[in-house]
Structure formats: structure tokens, C-alpha cells
Amino acid sequence: MARRIQYTFKNKAKEINFANDKYHDMFEAIAAAEGVDIRDYVKMEQAVAMTSKGSAAVRNFRDQYFAKLGFSNVKFIKE
């Protein structure tokens, strides 16, 4: 099943294709589409995952980090 990602970047609605074999998750795909380097984010996400007891802390960290970069309303669209 083909998947697309719909998101808003700096108040502009956008839509891209998503491939599981190319990207780890949809946030990595949207960062690549916009040319945003997230290497520091990946390191910090791993540190948060190792020190937290649940996935809520990782999800909260991710949402806040990407909001600072200008991303919002990130979601999959099934076709």
C-alpha cells in the first residue's frame, strides 16, 4: 500500500511520498524532504529513550523538537 505524508512546514501545507525501505520513520522523511539535518536530534532521541521509562517521553521530545524546526500537523495518508 502506497503511503504519503501530509505535514505543515513553516505555515505551508505539503505532501510527500513515504517509503519504509528508505526512511526509519515519517519524521526522518519530512526532515530529508526539507533539507533539515537531524543528526543531533537522533542522538538526543536515543539518549532520551535510554533514560526514560516509557515512550511518552520520547514522543514528547520528538514533537517539541520538530515544532521548533517549524513542522506541525504531521500525519500519514493511506491511499
PDB file of N, CA and C in Angstrom:
ATOM      1  N   MET A   1       0.842  -1.172   0.000  1.00  0.00           N
ATOM      2  CA  MET A   1       0.000   0.000   0.000  1.00  0.00           C
ATOM      3  C   MET A   1       0.891   1.241   0.000  1.00  0.00           C
ATOM      4  N   ALA A   2       0.644   2.130  -0.923  1.00  0.00           N
ATOM      5  CA  ALA A   2       1.410   3.370  -1.004  1.00  0.00           C
ATOM      6  C   ALA A   2       1.025   4.274   0.156  1.00  0.00           C
ATOM      7  N   ARG A   3       2.023   4.959   0.671  1.00  0.00           N
ATOM      8  CA  ARG A   3       1.761   5.878   1.773  1.00  0.00           C
ATOM      9  C   ARG A   3       2.296   7.245   1.417  1.00  0.00           C
ATOM     10  N   ARG A   4       1.607   8.228   1.896  1.00  0.00           N
ATOM     11  CA  ARG A   4       2.023   9.603   1.726  1.00  0.00           C
ATOM     12  C   ARG A   4       2.002  10.263   3.096  1.00  0.00           C
ATOM     13  N   ILE A   5       2.791  11.300   3.231  1.00  0.00           N
ATOM     14  CA  ILE A   5       2.830  12.057   4.482  1.00  0.00           C
ATOM     15  C   ILE A   5       2.354  13.468   4.188  1.00  0.00           C
ATOM     16  N   GLN A   6       1.434  13.925   5.005  1.00  0.00           N
ATOM     17  CA  GLN A   6       0.953  15.294   4.907  1.00  0.00           C
ATOM     18  C   GLN A   6       1.461  16.035   6.137  1.00  0.00           C
ATOM     19  N   TYR A   7       2.008  17.227   5.933  1.00  0.00           N
ATOM     20  CA  TYR A   7       2.541  17.998   7.045  1.00  0.00           C
ATOM     21  C   TYR A   7       2.541  19.480   6.709  1.00  0.00           C
ATOM     22  N   THR A   8       2.783  20.291   7.722  1.00  0.00           N
ATOM     23  CA  THR A   8       2.907  21.728   7.545  1.00  0.00           C
ATOM     24  C   THR A   8       4.318  22.108   7.953  1.00  0.00           C
ATOM     25  N   PHE A   9       5.003  22.840   7.086  1.00  0.00           N
ATOM     26  CA  PHE A   9       6.354  23.311   7.375  1.00  0.00           C
ATOM     27  C   PHE A   9       6.383  24.818   7.193  1.00  0.00           C
ATOM     28  N   LYS A  10       6.615  25.518   8.293  1.00  0.00           N
ATOM     29  CA  LYS A  10       6.648  26.988   8.294  1.00  0.00           C
ATOM     30  C   LYS A  10       5.386  27.556   7.644  1.00  0.00           C
ATOM     31  N   ASN A  11       4.247  27.058   8.117  1.00  0.00           N
ATOM     32  CA  ASN A  11       2.908  27.510   7.712  1.00  0.00           C
ATOM     33  C   ASN A  11       2.556  27.229   6.254  1.00  0.00           C
ATOM     34  N   LYS A  12       3.240  26.286   5.619  1.00  0.00           N
ATOM     35  CA  LYS A  12       2.900  25.870   4.256  1.00  0.00           C
ATOM     36  C   LYS A  12       2.581  24.379   4.264  1.00  0.00           C
ATOM     37  N   ALA A  13       1.378  24.035   3.824  1.00  0.00           N
ATOM     38  CA  ALA A  13       0.964  22.633   3.772  1.00  0.00           C
ATOM     39  C   ALA A  13       1.710  21.925   2.648  1.00  0.00           C
ATOM     40  N   LYS A  14       2.203  20.718   2.958  1.00  0.00           N
ATOM     41  CA  LYS A  14       2.962  19.944   1.977  1.00  0.00           C
ATOM     42  C   LYS A  14       2.584  18.479   2.073  1.00  0.00           C
ATOM     43  N   GLU A  15       2.938  17.729   1.027  1.00  0.00           N
ATOM     44  CA  GLU A  15       2.645  16.302   0.975  1.00  0.00           C
ATOM     45  C   GLU A  15       3.778  15.619   0.213  1.00  0.00           C
ATOM     46  N   ILE A  16       4.276  14.496   0.761  1.00  0.00           N
ATOM     47  CA  ILE A  16       5.363  13.756   0.118  1.00  0.00           C
ATOM     48  C   ILE A  16       5.067  12.261   0.155  1.00  0.00           C
ATOM     49  N   ASN A  17       5.775  11.511  -0.676  1.00  0.00           N
ATOM     50  CA  ASN A  17       5.700  10.051  -0.648  1.00  0.00           C
ATOM     51  C   ASN A  17       6.572   9.522   0.476  1.00  0.00           C
ATOM     52  N   PHE A  18       6.202   8.360   1.008  1.00  0.00           N
ATOM     53  CA  PHE A  18       6.972   7.732   2.082  1.00  0.00           C
ATOM     54  C   PHE A  18       7.289   6.294   1.707  1.00  0.00           C
ATOM     55  N   ALA A  19       8.552   5.908   1.905  1.00  0.00           N
ATOM     56  CA  ALA A  19       8.974   4.530   1.647  1.00  0.00           C
ATOM     57  C   ALA A  19       9.667   3.991   2.895  1.00  0.00           C
ATOM     58  N   ASN A  20       9.161   2.861   3.419  1.00  0.00           N
ATOM     59  CA  ASN A  20       9.750   2.258   4.621  1.00  0.00           C
ATOM     60  C   ASN A  20      11.191   1.827   4.414  1.00  0.00           C
ATOM     61  N   ASP A  21      11.551   1.446   3.205  1.00  0.00           N
ATOM     62  CA  ASP A  21      12.913   0.974   2.962  1.00  0.00           C
ATOM     63  C   ASP A  21      13.921   2.120   2.890  1.00  0.00           C
ATOM     64  N   LYS A  22      13.446   3.340   2.745  1.00  0.00           N
ATOM     65  CA  LYS A  22      14.351   4.486   2.628  1.00  0.00           C
ATOM     66  C   LYS A  22      14.490   5.266   3.939  1.00  0.00           C
ATOM     67  N   TYR A  23      13.411   5.365   4.703  1.00  0.00           N
ATOM     68  CA  TYR A  23      13.414   6.150   5.935  1.00  0.00           C
ATOM     69  C   TYR A  23      12.949   5.322   7.123  1.00  0.00           C
ATOM     70  N   HIS A  24      13.496   5.639   8.291  1.00  0.00           N
ATOM     71  CA  HIS A  24      13.142   4.945   9.526  1.00  0.00           C
ATOM     72  C   HIS A  24      11.721   5.284   9.964  1.00  0.00           C
ATOM     73  N   ASP A  25      11.362   6.549   9.889  1.00  0.00           N
ATOM     74  CA  ASP A  25      10.019   6.976  10.261  1.00  0.00           C
ATOM     75  C   ASP A  25       9.627   8.216   9.470  1.00  0.00           C
ATOM     76  N   MET A  26       8.391   8.664   9.661  1.00  0.00           N
ATOM     77  CA  MET A  26       7.909   9.783   8.862  1.00  0.00           C
ATOM     78  C   MET A  26       8.618  11.090   9.199  1.00  0.00           C
ATOM     79  N   PHE A  27       9.126  11.233  10.402  1.00  0.00           N
ATOM     80  CA  PHE A  27       9.826  12.459  10.770  1.00  0.00           C
ATOM     81  C   PHE A  27      11.170  12.559  10.061  1.00  0.00           C
ATOM     82  N   GLU A  28      11.827  11.443   9.900  1.00  0.00           N
ATOM     83  CA  GLU A  28      13.077  11.421   9.143  1.00  0.00           C
ATOM     84  C   GLU A  28      12.813  11.780   7.676  1.00  0.00           C
ATOM     85  N   ALA A  29      11.700  11.311   7.143  1.00  0.00           N
ATOM     86  CA  ALA A  29      11.347  11.582   5.749  1.00  0.00           C
ATOM     87  C   ALA A  29      11.036  13.060   5.520  1.00  0.00           C
ATOM     88  N   ILE A  30      10.289  13.677   6.423  1.00  0.00           N
ATOM     89  CA  ILE A  30       9.955  15.091   6.214  1.00  0.00           C
ATOM     90  C   ILE A  30      11.177  15.980   6.410  1.00  0.00           C
ATOM     91  N   ALA A  31      12.052  15.607   7.321  1.00  0.00           N
ATOM     92  CA  ALA A  31      13.291  16.378   7.506  1.00  0.00           C
ATOM     93  C   ALA A  31      14.157  16.298   6.253  1.00  0.00           C
ATOM     94  N   ALA A  32      14.249  15.120   5.658  1.00  0.00           N
ATOM     95  CA  ALA A  32      15.025  14.951   4.426  1.00  0.00           C
ATOM     96  C   ALA A  32      14.402  15.747   3.283  1.00  0.00           C
ATOM     97  N   ALA A  33      13.084  15.751   3.210  1.00  0.00           N
ATOM     98  CA  ALA A  33      12.397  16.479   2.139  1.00  0.00           C
ATOM     99  C   ALA A  33      12.645  17.982   2.227  1.00  0.00           C
ATOM    100  N   GLU A  34      12.806  18.482   3.432  1.00  0.00           N
ATOM    101  CA  GLU A  34      13.024  19.918   3.623  1.00  0.00           C
ATOM    102  C   GLU A  34      14.503  20.277   3.762  1.00  0.00           C
ATOM    103  N   GLY A  35      15.373  19.268   3.722  1.00  0.00           N
ATOM    104  CA  GLY A  35      16.805  19.528   3.808  1.00  0.00           C
ATOM    105  C   GLY A  35      17.284  19.894   5.199  1.00  0.00           C
ATOM    106  N   VAL A  36      16.591  19.416   6.222  1.00  0.00           N
ATOM    107  CA  VAL A  36      16.937  19.707   7.617  1.00  0.00           C
ATOM    108  C   VAL A  36      17.824  18.589   8.160  1.00  0.00           C
ATOM    109  N   ASP A  37      18.962  18.959   8.733  1.00  0.00           N
ATOM    110  CA  ASP A  37      19.886  17.982   9.323  1.00  0.00           C
ATOM    111  C   ASP A  37      19.401  17.622  10.725  1.00  0.00           C
ATOM    112  N   ILE A  38      19.117  16.339  10.951  1.00  0.00           N
ATOM    113  CA  ILE A  38      18.592  15.910  12.258  1.00  0.00           C
ATOM    114  C   ILE A  38      19.535  14.940  12.962  1.00  0.00           C
ATOM    115  N   ARG A  39      20.809  14.969  12.635  1.00  0.00           N
ATOM    116  CA  ARG A  39      21.755  14.047  13.289  1.00  0.00           C
ATOM    117  C   ARG A  39      21.813  14.271  14.796  1.00  0.00           C
ATOM    118  N   ASP A  40      21.807  15.533  15.224  1.00  0.00           N
ATOM    119  CA  ASP A  40      21.819  15.821  16.665  1.00  0.00           C
ATOM    120  C   ASP A  40      20.536  15.339  17.329  1.00  0.00           C
ATOM    121  N   TYR A  41      19.426  15.482  16.619  1.00  0.00           N
ATOM    122  CA  TYR A  41      18.148  15.013  17.142  1.00  0.00           C
ATOM    123  C   TYR A  41      18.169  13.507  17.374  1.00  0.00           C
ATOM    124  N   VAL A  42      18.712  12.762  16.422  1.00  0.00           N
ATOM    125  CA  VAL A  42      18.755  11.298  16.526  1.00  0.00           C
ATOM    126  C   VAL A  42      19.556  10.880  17.756  1.00  0.00           C
ATOM    127  N   LYS A  43      20.674  11.536  17.999  1.00  0.00           N
ATOM    128  CA  LYS A  43      21.496  11.221  19.178  1.00  0.00           C
ATOM    129  C   LYS A  43      20.733  11.515  20.464  1.00  0.00           C
ATOM    130  N   MET A  44      20.073  12.665  20.516  1.00  0.00           N
ATOM    131  CA  MET A  44      19.324  13.025  21.723  1.00  0.00           C
ATOM    132  C   MET A  44      18.106  12.119  21.918  1.00  0.00           C
ATOM    133  N   GLU A  45      17.457  11.741  20.827  1.00  0.00           N
ATOM    134  CA  GLU A  45      16.311  10.841  20.925  1.00  0.00           C
ATOM    135  C   GLU A  45      16.733   9.503  21.525  1.00  0.00           C
ATOM    136  N   GLN A  46      17.876   8.992  21.105  1.00  0.00           N
ATOM    137  CA  GLN A  46      18.387   7.736  21.652  1.00  0.00           C
ATOM    138  C   GLN A  46      18.703   7.883  23.135  1.00  0.00           C
ATOM    139  N   ALA A  47      19.265   9.020  23.531  1.00  0.00           N
ATOM    140  CA  ALA A  47      19.569   9.252  24.943  1.00  0.00           C
ATOM    141  C   ALA A  47      18.292   9.331  25.772  1.00  0.00           C
ATOM    142  N   VAL A  48      17.287  10.005  25.263  1.00  0.00           N
ATOM    143  CA  VAL A  48      16.005  10.099  25.969  1.00  0.00           C
ATOM    144  C   VAL A  48      15.371   8.719  26.088  1.00  0.00           C
ATOM    145  N   ALA A  49      15.441   7.933  25.028  1.00  0.00           N
ATOM    146  CA  ALA A  49      14.865   6.580  25.054  1.00  0.00           C
ATOM    147  C   ALA A  49      15.565   5.696  26.077  1.00  0.00           C
ATOM    148  N   MET A  50      16.876   5.844  26.220  1.00  0.00           N
ATOM    149  CA  MET A  50      17.633   5.020  27.163  1.00  0.00           C
ATOM    150  C   MET A  50      17.367   5.410  28.610  1.00  0.00           C
ATOM    151  N   THR A  51      17.055   6.685  28.854  1.00  0.00           N
ATOM    152  CA  THR A  51      16.891   7.142  30.231  1.00  0.00           C
ATOM    153  C   THR A  51      15.439   7.212  30.687  1.00  0.00           C
ATOM    154  N   SER A  52      14.487   7.141  29.766  1.00  0.00           N
ATOM    155  CA  SER A  52      13.083   7.242  30.156  1.00  0.00           C
ATOM    156  C   SER A  52      12.475   5.853  30.341  1.00  0.00           C
ATOM    157  N   LYS A  53      11.378   5.814  31.071  1.00  0.00           N
ATOM    158  CA  LYS A  53      10.720   4.544  31.361  1.00  0.00           C
ATOM    159  C   LYS A  53       9.618   4.209  30.362  1.00  0.00           C
ATOM    160  N   GLY A  54       9.200   5.188  29.585  1.00  0.00           N
ATOM    161  CA  GLY A  54       8.126   4.929  28.630  1.00  0.00           C
ATOM    162  C   GLY A  54       8.342   5.665  27.329  1.00  0.00           C
ATOM    163  N   SER A  55       7.475   5.388  26.387  1.00  0.00           N
ATOM    164  CA  SER A  55       7.613   6.019  25.079  1.00  0.00           C
ATOM    165  C   SER A  55       7.060   7.436  25.056  1.00  0.00           C
ATOM    166  N   ALA A  56       6.313   7.824  26.080  1.00  0.00           N
ATOM    167  CA  ALA A  56       5.733   9.166  26.115  1.00  0.00           C
ATOM    168  C   ALA A  56       6.820  10.246  26.148  1.00  0.00           C
ATOM    169  N   ALA A  57       7.897   9.998  26.847  1.00  0.00           N
ATOM    170  CA  ALA A  57       8.986  10.978  26.920  1.00  0.00           C
ATOM    171  C   ALA A  57       9.644  11.164  25.563  1.00  0.00           C
ATOM    172  N   VAL A  58       9.834  10.085  24.848  1.00  0.00           N
ATOM    173  CA  VAL A  58      10.444  10.154  23.506  1.00  0.00           C
ATOM    174  C   VAL A  58       9.503  10.884  22.560  1.00  0.00           C
ATOM    175  N   ARG A  59       8.237  10.558  22.612  1.00  0.00           N
ATOM    176  CA  ARG A  59       7.246  11.196  21.749  1.00  0.00           C
ATOM    177  C   ARG A  59       7.152  12.689  22.046  1.00  0.00           C
ATOM    178  N   ASN A  60       7.167  13.059  23.312  1.00  0.00           N
ATOM    179  CA  ASN A  60       7.110  14.463  23.711  1.00  0.00           C
ATOM    180  C   ASN A  60       8.350  15.214  23.226  1.00  0.00           C
ATOM    181  N   PHE A  61       9.525  14.603  23.400  1.00  0.00           N
ATOM    182  CA  PHE A  61      10.767  15.212  22.932  1.00  0.00           C
ATOM    183  C   PHE A  61      10.718  15.418  21.424  1.00  0.00           C
ATOM    184  N   ARG A  62      10.282  14.412  20.677  1.00  0.00           N
ATOM    185  CA  ARG A  62      10.195  14.488  19.215  1.00  0.00           C
ATOM    186  C   ARG A  62       9.247  15.598  18.778  1.00  0.00           C
ATOM    187  N   ASP A  63       8.071  15.642  19.375  1.00  0.00           N
ATOM    188  CA  ASP A  63       7.080  16.645  18.987  1.00  0.00           C
ATOM    189  C   ASP A  63       7.587  18.060  19.249  1.00  0.00           C
ATOM    190  N   GLN A  64       8.229  18.265  20.390  1.00  0.00           N
ATOM    191  CA  GLN A  64       8.764  19.591  20.707  1.00  0.00           C
ATOM    192  C   GLN A  64       9.912  19.973  19.788  1.00  0.00           C
ATOM    193  N   TYR A  65      10.789  19.039  19.493  1.00  0.00           N
ATOM    194  CA  TYR A  65      11.938  19.310  18.637  1.00  0.00           C
ATOM    195  C   TYR A  65      11.492  19.703  17.226  1.00  0.00           C
ATOM    196  N   PHE A  66      10.570  18.931  16.658  1.00  0.00           N
ATOM    197  CA  PHE A  66      10.118  19.218  15.306  1.00  0.00           C
ATOM    198  C   PHE A  66       9.261  20.482  15.249  1.00  0.00           C
ATOM    199  N   ALA A  67       8.556  20.805  16.326  1.00  0.00           N
ATOM    200  CA  ALA A  67       7.807  22.062  16.373  1.00  0.00           C
ATOM    201  C   ALA A  67       8.777  23.251  16.336  1.00  0.00           C
ATOM    202  N   LYS A  68       9.922  23.126  17.015  1.00  0.00           N
ATOM    203  CA  LYS A  68      10.932  24.194  16.981  1.00  0.00           C
ATOM    204  C   LYS A  68      11.515  24.371  15.581  1.00  0.00           C
ATOM    205  N   LEU A  69      11.585  23.288  14.822  1.00  0.00           N
ATOM    206  CA  LEU A  69      12.099  23.354  13.453  1.00  0.00           C
ATOM    207  C   LEU A  69      11.075  23.947  12.485  1.00  0.00           C
ATOM    208  N   GLY A  70       9.810  24.012  12.895  1.00  0.00           N
ATOM    209  CA  GLY A  70       8.763  24.589  12.048  1.00  0.00           C
ATOM    210  C   GLY A  70       7.784  23.582  11.478  1.00  0.00           C
ATOM    211  N   PHE A  71       7.846  22.323  11.927  1.00  0.00           N
ATOM    212  CA  PHE A  71       6.939  21.284  11.441  1.00  0.00           C
ATOM    213  C   PHE A  71       5.715  21.183  12.342  1.00  0.00           C
ATOM    214  N   SER A  72       4.572  20.907  11.741  1.00  0.00           N
ATOM    215  CA  SER A  72       3.356  20.650  12.519  1.00  0.00           C
ATOM    216  C   SER A  72       2.406  19.802  11.680  1.00  0.00           C
ATOM    217  N   ASN A  73       1.358  19.310  12.312  1.00  0.00           N
ATOM    218  CA  ASN A  73       0.303  18.526  11.644  1.00  0.00           C
ATOM    219  C   ASN A  73       0.870  17.378  10.792  1.00  0.00           C
ATOM    220  N   VAL A  74       1.814  16.639  11.327  1.00  0.00           N
ATOM    221  CA  VAL A  74       2.440  15.527  10.596  1.00  0.00           C
ATOM    222  C   VAL A  74       1.560  14.285  10.730  1.00  0.00           C
ATOM    223  N   LYS A  75       1.154  13.732   9.568  1.00  0.00           N
ATOM    224  CA  LYS A  75       0.330  12.524   9.610  1.00  0.00           C
ATOM    225  C   LYS A  75       0.444  11.744   8.317  1.00  0.00           C
ATOM    226  N   PHE A  76       0.202  10.432   8.426  1.00  0.00           N
ATOM    227  CA  PHE A  76       0.182   9.552   7.268  1.00  0.00           C
ATOM    228  C   PHE A  76      -1.158   9.668   6.548  1.00  0.00           C
ATOM    229  N   ILE A  77      -1.107   9.529   5.235  1.00  0.00           N
ATOM    230  CA  ILE A  77      -2.331   9.448   4.415  1.00  0.00           C
ATOM    231  C   ILE A  77      -2.255   8.108   3.692  1.00  0.00           C
ATOM    232  N   LYS A  78      -3.232   7.253   3.912  1.00  0.00           N
ATOM    233  CA  LYS A  78      -3.286   5.972   3.202  1.00  0.00           C
ATOM    234  C   LYS A  78      -4.052   6.167   1.900  1.00  0.00           C
ATOM    235  N   GLU A  79      -3.495   5.591   0.852  1.00  0.00           N
ATOM    236  CA  GLU A  79      -4.138   5.726  -0.464  1.00  0.00           C
ATOM    237  C   GLU A  79      -4.747   4.407  -0.873  1.00  0.00           C
TER     238      GLU A  79
END
